[in-house]
Amino acid sequence: MRKAFLLILFLPLAALAETAYITDNLRLGLHQAADTSDRAFRTLESGQELEILSRDVNYANVRLPDGIEGYVKAAYLVFEKPAKLIVAETQATVDALQSELEETKAAFAAPAATIESLQQQLDASTATADSSAAEVAALSSELDDYRGRQDQYKYSMPFMWVGGAMFLCLLAGFLFGLWWVDQRSRRRHGGIRVY
């Protein structure tokens, strides 16, 4: 019960604990009077560039880039660029670099597509070359087998062919011999067959 009471008591304090920042956006009035006692006729933003014509401890006579002159409090003048300008310049640089990056990406899109296409062609050619190499290896193995058989039968005769050829030669010789004997017999006996 006591813890619940303390929680309820400190709950509004927890709700108020938010993170906040002090703005760096300064507005400075430009006056006609040297002591800035009059009403400002122009408001200058933080980061406004100006030229100091004269200066004392409290006030400075300044000239704006558009030629207008007036007085401002000297305590608000700095000689280094304020964070607002540095951030704006940095953001402009980042934007320019981002634009350049996009242009570079666009410029390299076509060559990247060409490279991708060539890579695919190379992969296809490599696959074809690998299959051709496998086929060449198989044919080389088959050729070696045939050469081995050729060496094995180098000095042997194929008896089936030689026997067949010899039989045909003998048969042709026998038939030619019969015809020749018949022709000689007919010539000797006046064209009559004697046997």
Protein backbone atom coordinates (compact mmCIF):
# COMPACT_ATOMS: atom_id res chain seq x y z
CA MET A 1 0.00 0.00 0.00
CA ARG A 2 2.80 2.34 0.89
CA LYS A 3 4.60 1.62 -2.41
CA ALA A 4 1.44 2.29 -4.39
CA PHE A 5 1.03 5.62 -2.58
CA LEU A 6 4.63 6.63 -3.36
CA LEU A 7 4.16 5.61 -6.97
CA ILE A 8 1.03 7.75 -7.26
CA LEU A 9 2.84 10.63 -5.53
CA PHE A 10 5.86 10.61 -7.86
CA LEU A 11 3.99 9.77 -11.07
CA PRO A 12 3.43 13.45 -12.03
CA LEU A 13 7.15 14.12 -11.58
CA ALA A 14 8.03 11.26 -13.95
CA ALA A 15 5.65 12.66 -16.53
CA LEU A 16 7.37 16.06 -16.38
CA ALA A 17 10.86 14.64 -16.95
CA GLU A 18 11.07 15.18 -20.71
CA THR A 19 14.21 15.90 -22.68
CA ALA A 20 14.37 19.38 -24.24
CA TYR A 21 16.97 21.51 -26.01
CA ILE A 22 17.70 25.22 -26.13
CA THR A 23 17.24 26.67 -29.56
CA ASP A 24 20.20 28.16 -31.43
CA ASN A 25 17.90 30.31 -33.52
CA LEU A 26 18.80 33.85 -32.41
CA ARG A 27 17.03 36.95 -33.66
CA LEU A 28 18.83 40.21 -33.30
CA GLY A 29 17.34 43.62 -33.97
CA LEU A 30 19.04 46.12 -36.31
CA HIS A 31 18.64 49.69 -35.02
CA GLN A 32 19.18 53.24 -36.28
CA ALA A 33 20.33 54.53 -32.88
CA ALA A 34 23.89 53.78 -31.78
CA ASP A 35 22.72 52.67 -28.33
CA THR A 36 19.85 50.53 -29.79
CA SER A 37 17.34 52.52 -27.71
CA ASP A 38 14.97 52.87 -30.65
CA ARG A 39 12.76 50.23 -32.16
CA ALA A 40 14.53 47.74 -34.46
CA PHE A 41 13.76 48.36 -38.12
CA ARG A 42 14.97 44.94 -39.23
CA THR A 43 15.41 41.52 -37.60
CA LEU A 44 18.57 39.55 -38.28
CA GLU A 45 18.57 35.77 -38.08
CA SER A 46 21.31 33.62 -36.57
CA GLY A 47 24.09 33.10 -39.10
CA GLN A 48 23.49 36.41 -40.96
CA GLU A 49 26.74 37.64 -42.51
CA LEU A 50 27.62 41.30 -41.96
CA GLU A 51 30.57 43.71 -42.04
CA ILE A 52 31.65 45.53 -38.86
CA LEU A 53 32.27 49.22 -39.60
CA SER A 54 33.02 50.29 -36.02
CA ARG A 55 32.74 48.71 -32.63
CA ASP A 56 32.86 49.61 -28.96
CA VAL A 57 32.33 47.47 -25.86
CA ASN A 58 28.53 47.23 -26.11
CA TYR A 59 27.49 48.10 -29.67
CA ALA A 60 28.73 47.70 -33.25
CA ASN A 61 27.96 49.65 -36.40
CA VAL A 62 27.45 47.06 -39.16
CA ARG A 63 26.70 46.87 -42.88
CA LEU A 64 24.64 44.03 -44.40
CA PRO A 65 25.49 42.50 -47.80
CA ASP A 66 22.60 44.46 -49.37
CA GLY A 67 24.22 47.77 -48.16
CA ILE A 68 21.90 48.60 -45.26
CA GLU A 69 23.70 49.93 -42.18
CA GLY A 70 22.65 49.92 -38.54
CA TYR A 71 23.62 49.09 -34.98
CA VAL A 72 23.49 45.79 -33.10
CA LYS A 73 24.60 44.60 -29.67
CA ALA A 74 28.26 43.58 -29.97
CA ALA A 75 27.92 40.68 -27.51
CA TYR A 76 26.00 38.67 -30.12
CA LEU A 77 28.65 38.95 -32.85
CA VAL A 78 30.97 35.98 -33.36
CA PHE A 79 33.79 35.46 -35.87
CA GLU A 80 33.21 31.77 -36.37
CA LYS A 81 30.32 30.37 -38.34
CA PRO A 82 27.45 29.38 -36.07
CA ALA A 83 26.25 25.80 -35.90
CA LYS A 84 23.18 26.65 -37.98
CA LEU A 85 25.33 27.60 -41.00
CA ILE A 86 27.70 24.67 -40.52
CA VAL A 87 24.76 22.27 -40.42
CA ALA A 88 23.20 23.89 -43.50
CA GLU A 89 26.49 23.67 -45.44
CA THR A 90 27.01 20.09 -44.31
CA GLN A 91 23.45 19.20 -45.34
CA ALA A 92 24.00 20.82 -48.74
CA THR A 93 27.21 18.81 -49.16
CA VAL A 94 25.39 15.62 -48.14
CA ASP A 95 22.59 16.38 -50.61
CA ALA A 96 25.11 17.04 -53.40
CA LEU A 97 26.97 13.83 -52.61
CA GLN A 98 23.69 11.90 -52.47
CA SER A 99 22.73 13.30 -55.87
CA GLU A 100 26.18 12.41 -57.24
CA LEU A 101 25.83 8.91 -55.82
CA GLU A 102 22.46 8.45 -57.52
CA GLU A 103 23.91 9.69 -60.82
CA THR A 104 26.85 7.32 -60.45
CA LYS A 105 24.52 4.42 -59.71
CA ALA A 106 22.47 5.32 -62.78
CA ALA A 107 25.64 5.56 -64.88
CA PHE A 108 26.80 2.13 -63.72
CA ALA A 109 23.39 0.46 -64.13
CA ALA A 110 23.86 -0.27 -67.86
CA PRO A 111 27.44 -1.61 -67.49
CA ALA A 112 26.32 -3.68 -64.51
CA ALA A 113 23.56 -5.23 -66.63
CA THR A 114 26.10 -5.91 -69.38
CA ILE A 115 28.47 -7.47 -66.86
CA GLU A 116 25.63 -9.64 -65.52
CA SER A 117 24.74 -10.75 -69.07
CA LEU A 118 28.38 -11.55 -69.82
CA GLN A 119 28.66 -13.46 -66.55
CA GLN A 120 25.65 -15.57 -67.53
CA GLN A 121 27.17 -16.22 -70.96
CA LEU A 122 30.46 -17.16 -69.30
CA ASP A 123 28.66 -19.58 -66.97
CA ALA A 124 26.84 -21.16 -69.93
CA SER A 125 30.09 -21.41 -71.91
CA THR A 126 31.85 -22.93 -68.90
CA ALA A 127 29.09 -25.53 -68.55
CA THR A 128 29.32 -26.33 -72.27
CA ALA A 129 33.11 -26.57 -72.07
CA ASP A 130 32.84 -28.89 -69.04
CA SER A 131 30.40 -31.19 -70.85
CA SER A 132 32.59 -31.10 -73.97
CA ALA A 133 35.64 -31.95 -71.87
CA ALA A 134 33.77 -34.92 -70.36
CA GLU A 135 32.76 -36.08 -73.85
CA VAL A 136 36.36 -35.72 -75.10
CA ALA A 137 37.58 -37.74 -72.12
CA ALA A 138 35.05 -40.50 -72.90
CA LEU A 139 36.01 -40.52 -76.59
CA SER A 140 39.72 -40.60 -75.68
CA SER A 141 39.08 -43.60 -73.45
CA GLU A 142 37.19 -45.34 -76.28
CA LEU A 143 39.98 -44.50 -78.73
CA ASP A 144 42.57 -45.95 -76.34
CA ASP A 145 40.47 -49.12 -76.12
CA TYR A 146 40.34 -49.40 -79.94
CA ARG A 147 44.08 -48.82 -80.20
CA GLY A 148 44.65 -51.55 -77.65
CA ARG A 149 42.54 -53.93 -79.72
CA GLN A 150 44.38 -52.90 -82.87
CA ASP A 151 47.72 -53.66 -81.21
CA GLN A 152 46.33 -56.99 -80.04
CA TYR A 153 45.26 -58.05 -83.57
CA LYS A 154 48.10 -56.35 -85.44
CA TYR A 155 49.65 -59.54 -86.81
CA SER A 156 46.63 -61.83 -86.81
CA MET A 157 44.45 -62.59 -89.81
CA PRO A 158 40.72 -62.63 -89.65
CA PHE A 159 40.20 -66.30 -90.52
CA MET A 160 36.58 -65.88 -91.40
CA TRP A 161 37.37 -63.31 -94.09
CA VAL A 162 40.50 -64.99 -95.30
CA GLY A 163 38.74 -68.41 -95.43
CA GLY A 164 35.78 -66.91 -97.29
CA ALA A 165 38.06 -65.15 -99.76
CA MET A 166 40.05 -68.32 -100.35
CA PHE A 167 36.86 -70.31 -100.92
CA LEU A 168 35.60 -67.73 -103.44
CA CYS A 169 38.97 -67.72 -105.24
CA LEU A 170 39.01 -71.52 -105.42
CA LEU A 171 35.42 -71.66 -106.63
CA ALA A 172 36.06 -68.98 -109.24
CA GLY A 173 39.27 -70.75 -110.32
CA PHE A 174 37.46 -74.07 -110.57
CA LEU A 175 34.61 -72.60 -112.61
CA PHE A 176 37.05 -70.73 -114.82
CA GLY A 177 39.04 -73.97 -115.29
CA LEU A 178 35.88 -75.87 -116.33
CA TRP A 179 34.94 -73.17 -118.81
CA TRP A 180 38.46 -73.06 -120.23
CA VAL A 181 38.64 -76.87 -120.58
CA ASP A 182 35.21 -76.85 -122.26
CA GLN A 183 36.30 -74.13 -124.69
CA ARG A 184 39.49 -76.01 -125.60
CA SER A 185 37.57 -79.26 -126.03
CA ARG A 186 34.99 -77.62 -128.31
CA ARG A 187 37.69 -75.99 -130.40
CA ARG A 188 39.45 -79.32 -130.81
CA HIS A 189 36.31 -81.28 -131.65
CA GLY A 190 34.59 -78.75 -133.89
CA GLY A 191 32.29 -77.16 -131.35
CA ILE A 192 30.92 -80.44 -130.05
CA ARG A 193 31.09 -81.25 -126.42
CA VAL A 194 32.81 -84.62 -125.95
CA TYR A 195 32.37 -85.52 -122.31
